[in-house]
Each structure stands twice: as C-alpha cells, then as structure tokens.
Amino acid sequence: MPLVSLWMSNNVLGVTKKGVASATTVMLGGVAGLIGSHIYRARDAPNYRFGHMFNCVCNAVIFVLALVLNLYFRYENRRRDRNAETSAHDTATLSSEQLEELCDNRPDHRYTW
C-alpha cells in the first residue's frame, strides 16, 4: 500500500486531483481489507483454496495494471521529450496559476515509473 500511494502521488499534479487520488487509494485499501476478512471462510478450511485463488487473481490484475501504467508512463515521457523544445517555449509564456491548472498535462511534467 505505501508503494502504491507513493507512485500515485508522484504521478498526479494539482492539489484537487492529488487529494482525490490519495483518498481513492486509501479507500480502495480499506475495501481490500474488508474483502480480505471475508474471503477466508471457515467452510474452506484447512486449505482455503477460494481465499488463495481470490488473492492470486487480484495480484495478477494489479500486476497487469501496473505493467500497463508503466508502459504508458514511459511512452508519455518519450512523447513529451520529443515535444520538449516547442513546449519549453509555451511554458515560458504561462503564469504559475496557468501551469497549476494544467496539472499533470504540464509539458514539463514527467511521470515516474
């Protein structure tokens, strides 16, 4: 959970957007704890196959999503690097308030992966 929160906070700019993303991350962690307490049922003892399979599927989904995000962030950073020369001129003409409104669409923003 701490790594997911850190990754999210590094890749989202803007106060409101970052607040919503942080709240959503914490909320999903809480929901995961709630679900986790119900997937290991007494009737599945002693092997708890349902609970283990549920966890494996969830981990696989998380892995695939993280991989897709990683590839997207790399692609987006390369695209922004190619356009860096023209966008540097554009950002120089913007005020700090206008740059803040762009959030993570700022031309000088790079994603961490």
C-alpha atoms as a PDB file:
ATOM      1  CA  MET A   1       0.000   0.000   0.000  1.00  0.00           C
ATOM      2  CA  PRO A   2       2.740   2.558   0.736  1.00  0.00           C
ATOM      3  CA  LEU A   3       4.366   1.936  -2.645  1.00  0.00           C
ATOM      4  CA  VAL A   4       1.054   2.392  -4.457  1.00  0.00           C
ATOM      5  CA  SER A   5       0.411   5.640  -2.578  1.00  0.00           C
ATOM      6  CA  LEU A   6       3.898   6.908  -3.352  1.00  0.00           C
ATOM      7  CA  TRP A   7       3.648   6.010  -7.038  1.00  0.00           C
ATOM      8  CA  MET A   8       0.265   7.701  -7.269  1.00  0.00           C
ATOM      9  CA  SER A   9       1.354  10.889  -5.519  1.00  0.00           C
ATOM     10  CA  ASN A  10       4.417  11.235  -7.765  1.00  0.00           C
ATOM     11  CA  ASN A  11       2.364  10.963 -10.935  1.00  0.00           C
ATOM     12  CA  VAL A  12      -0.572  13.241 -10.164  1.00  0.00           C
ATOM     13  CA  LEU A  13      -0.215  17.016 -10.090  1.00  0.00           C
ATOM     14  CA  GLY A  14      -2.681  19.580  -8.868  1.00  0.00           C
ATOM     15  CA  VAL A  15      -3.981  19.918  -5.327  1.00  0.00           C
ATOM     16  CA  THR A  16      -7.541  18.756  -6.008  1.00  0.00           C
ATOM     17  CA  LYS A  17      -6.563  15.927  -8.319  1.00  0.00           C
ATOM     18  CA  LYS A  18      -3.899  14.703  -5.890  1.00  0.00           C
ATOM     19  CA  GLY A  19      -6.357  14.844  -2.984  1.00  0.00           C
ATOM     20  CA  VAL A  20      -8.959  12.806  -4.837  1.00  0.00           C
ATOM     21  CA  ALA A  21      -6.371  10.291  -5.995  1.00  0.00           C
ATOM     22  CA  SER A  22      -4.975   9.917  -2.460  1.00  0.00           C
ATOM     23  CA  ALA A  23      -8.436   9.467  -0.970  1.00  0.00           C
ATOM     24  CA  THR A  24      -9.323   6.879  -3.612  1.00  0.00           C
ATOM     25  CA  THR A  25      -6.117   4.949  -2.951  1.00  0.00           C
ATOM     26  CA  VAL A  26      -6.759   4.856   0.797  1.00  0.00           C
ATOM     27  CA  MET A  27     -10.420   3.952   0.246  1.00  0.00           C
ATOM     28  CA  LEU A  28      -9.515   1.032  -2.020  1.00  0.00           C
ATOM     29  CA  GLY A  29      -7.011  -0.190   0.567  1.00  0.00           C
ATOM     30  CA  GLY A  30      -9.779  -0.152   3.181  1.00  0.00           C
ATOM     31  CA  VAL A  31     -12.152  -2.006   0.877  1.00  0.00           C
ATOM     32  CA  ALA A  32      -9.443  -4.596   0.237  1.00  0.00           C
ATOM     33  CA  GLY A  33      -9.132  -5.147   3.993  1.00  0.00           C
ATOM     34  CA  LEU A  34     -12.870  -5.581   4.277  1.00  0.00           C
ATOM     35  CA  ILE A  35     -12.972  -8.088   1.438  1.00  0.00           C
ATOM     36  CA  GLY A  36      -9.910  -9.891   2.770  1.00  0.00           C
ATOM     37  CA  SER A  37     -11.636 -10.600   6.046  1.00  0.00           C
ATOM     38  CA  HIS A  38     -14.468 -12.406   4.243  1.00  0.00           C
ATOM     39  CA  ILE A  39     -12.730 -14.484   1.572  1.00  0.00           C
ATOM     40  CA  TYR A  40     -11.142 -16.934   4.019  1.00  0.00           C
ATOM     41  CA  ARG A  41     -14.304 -18.750   5.002  1.00  0.00           C
ATOM     42  CA  ALA A  42     -14.490 -21.388   7.742  1.00  0.00           C
ATOM     43  CA  ARG A  43     -16.087 -23.878   5.344  1.00  0.00           C
ATOM     44  CA  ASP A  44     -12.951 -23.738   3.135  1.00  0.00           C
ATOM     45  CA  ALA A  45     -10.632 -24.838   5.970  1.00  0.00           C
ATOM     46  CA  PRO A  46      -7.915 -26.113   6.118  1.00  0.00           C
ATOM     47  CA  ASN A  47      -6.692 -25.332   2.565  1.00  0.00           C
ATOM     48  CA  TYR A  48      -8.668 -22.106   1.953  1.00  0.00           C
ATOM     49  CA  ARG A  49      -8.473 -22.565  -1.822  1.00  0.00           C
ATOM     50  CA  PHE A  50     -11.089 -19.901  -2.532  1.00  0.00           C
ATOM     51  CA  GLY A  51      -9.241 -17.259  -0.498  1.00  0.00           C
ATOM     52  CA  HIS A  52      -5.870 -18.122  -2.005  1.00  0.00           C
ATOM     53  CA  MET A  53      -7.237 -18.126  -5.553  1.00  0.00           C
ATOM     54  CA  PHE A  54      -9.021 -14.828  -4.955  1.00  0.00           C
ATOM     55  CA  ASN A  55      -5.752 -13.273  -3.759  1.00  0.00           C
ATOM     56  CA  CYS A  56      -3.831 -14.710  -6.714  1.00  0.00           C
ATOM     57  CA  VAL A  57      -6.334 -13.303  -9.209  1.00  0.00           C
ATOM     58  CA  CYS A  58      -6.294  -9.884  -7.523  1.00  0.00           C
ATOM     59  CA  ASN A  59      -2.481  -9.850  -7.530  1.00  0.00           C
ATOM     60  CA  ALA A  60      -2.433 -10.810 -11.212  1.00  0.00           C
ATOM     61  CA  VAL A  61      -4.851  -7.978 -12.065  1.00  0.00           C
ATOM     62  CA  ILE A  62      -2.751  -5.496 -10.073  1.00  0.00           C
ATOM     63  CA  PHE A  63       0.423  -6.713 -11.795  1.00  0.00           C
ATOM     64  CA  VAL A  64      -1.110  -6.296 -15.267  1.00  0.00           C
ATOM     65  CA  LEU A  65      -2.457  -2.833 -14.429  1.00  0.00           C
ATOM     66  CA  ALA A  66       0.916  -1.745 -13.021  1.00  0.00           C
ATOM     67  CA  LEU A  67       2.653  -3.057 -16.136  1.00  0.00           C
ATOM     68  CA  VAL A  68       0.231  -1.199 -18.429  1.00  0.00           C
ATOM     69  CA  LEU A  69       0.690   2.021 -16.416  1.00  0.00           C
ATOM     70  CA  ASN A  70       4.461   1.584 -16.513  1.00  0.00           C
ATOM     71  CA  LEU A  71       4.416   1.222 -20.297  1.00  0.00           C
ATOM     72  CA  TYR A  72       2.060   4.177 -20.664  1.00  0.00           C
ATOM     73  CA  PHE A  73       4.231   6.396 -18.447  1.00  0.00           C
ATOM     74  CA  ARG A  74       7.342   5.510 -20.464  1.00  0.00           C
ATOM     75  CA  TYR A  75       5.521   6.216 -23.727  1.00  0.00           C
ATOM     76  CA  GLU A  76       4.166   9.524 -22.458  1.00  0.00           C
ATOM     77  CA  ASN A  77       7.582  10.629 -21.156  1.00  0.00           C
ATOM     78  CA  ARG A  78       9.169   9.854 -24.550  1.00  0.00           C
ATOM     79  CA  ARG A  79       6.410  11.790 -26.319  1.00  0.00           C
ATOM     80  CA  ARG A  80       6.918  14.758 -24.021  1.00  0.00           C
ATOM     81  CA  ASP A  81      10.685  14.601 -24.522  1.00  0.00           C
ATOM     82  CA  ARG A  82      10.200  14.749 -28.304  1.00  0.00           C
ATOM     83  CA  ASN A  83       7.993  17.822 -27.901  1.00  0.00           C
ATOM     84  CA  ALA A  84      10.176  19.407 -25.207  1.00  0.00           C
ATOM     85  CA  GLU A  85      11.664  22.078 -27.403  1.00  0.00           C
ATOM     86  CA  THR A  86       8.346  23.556 -28.507  1.00  0.00           C
ATOM     87  CA  SER A  87       6.662  23.060 -25.146  1.00  0.00           C
ATOM     88  CA  ALA A  88       9.510  24.793 -23.272  1.00  0.00           C
ATOM     89  CA  HIS A  89       8.685  27.931 -25.216  1.00  0.00           C
ATOM     90  CA  ASP A  90       4.978  27.504 -24.396  1.00  0.00           C
ATOM     91  CA  THR A  91       5.547  27.045 -20.659  1.00  0.00           C
ATOM     92  CA  ALA A  92       7.735  30.157 -20.517  1.00  0.00           C
ATOM     93  CA  THR A  93       4.761  32.271 -21.560  1.00  0.00           C
ATOM     94  CA  LEU A  94       2.374  30.805 -18.959  1.00  0.00           C
ATOM     95  CA  SER A  95       1.854  32.177 -15.475  1.00  0.00           C
ATOM     96  CA  SER A  96       2.282  29.966 -12.415  1.00  0.00           C
ATOM     97  CA  GLU A  97      -1.514  29.816 -11.990  1.00  0.00           C
ATOM     98  CA  GLN A  98      -1.962  28.643 -15.576  1.00  0.00           C
ATOM     99  CA  LEU A  99       0.723  25.985 -15.100  1.00  0.00           C
ATOM    100  CA  GLU A 100      -1.010  24.811 -11.910  1.00  0.00           C
ATOM    101  CA  GLU A 101      -4.306  24.475 -13.788  1.00  0.00           C
ATOM    102  CA  LEU A 102      -2.680  22.172 -16.338  1.00  0.00           C
ATOM    103  CA  CYS A 103      -1.990  19.624 -13.541  1.00  0.00           C
ATOM    104  CA  ASP A 104      -0.213  16.589 -14.997  1.00  0.00           C
ATOM    105  CA  ASN A 105      -0.782  17.862 -18.539  1.00  0.00           C
ATOM    106  CA  ARG A 106       2.045  20.315 -17.968  1.00  0.00           C
ATOM    107  CA  PRO A 107       4.585  19.944 -20.758  1.00  0.00           C
ATOM    108  CA  ASP A 108       7.457  19.893 -18.253  1.00  0.00           C
ATOM    109  CA  HIS A 109       5.899  17.123 -16.105  1.00  0.00           C
ATOM    110  CA  ARG A 110       7.480  13.661 -16.328  1.00  0.00           C
ATOM    111  CA  TYR A 111       5.937  10.520 -14.880  1.00  0.00           C
ATOM    112  CA  THR A 112       7.889   8.254 -12.552  1.00  0.00           C
ATOM    113  CA  TRP A 113       7.840   4.580 -13.332  1.00  0.00           C
END
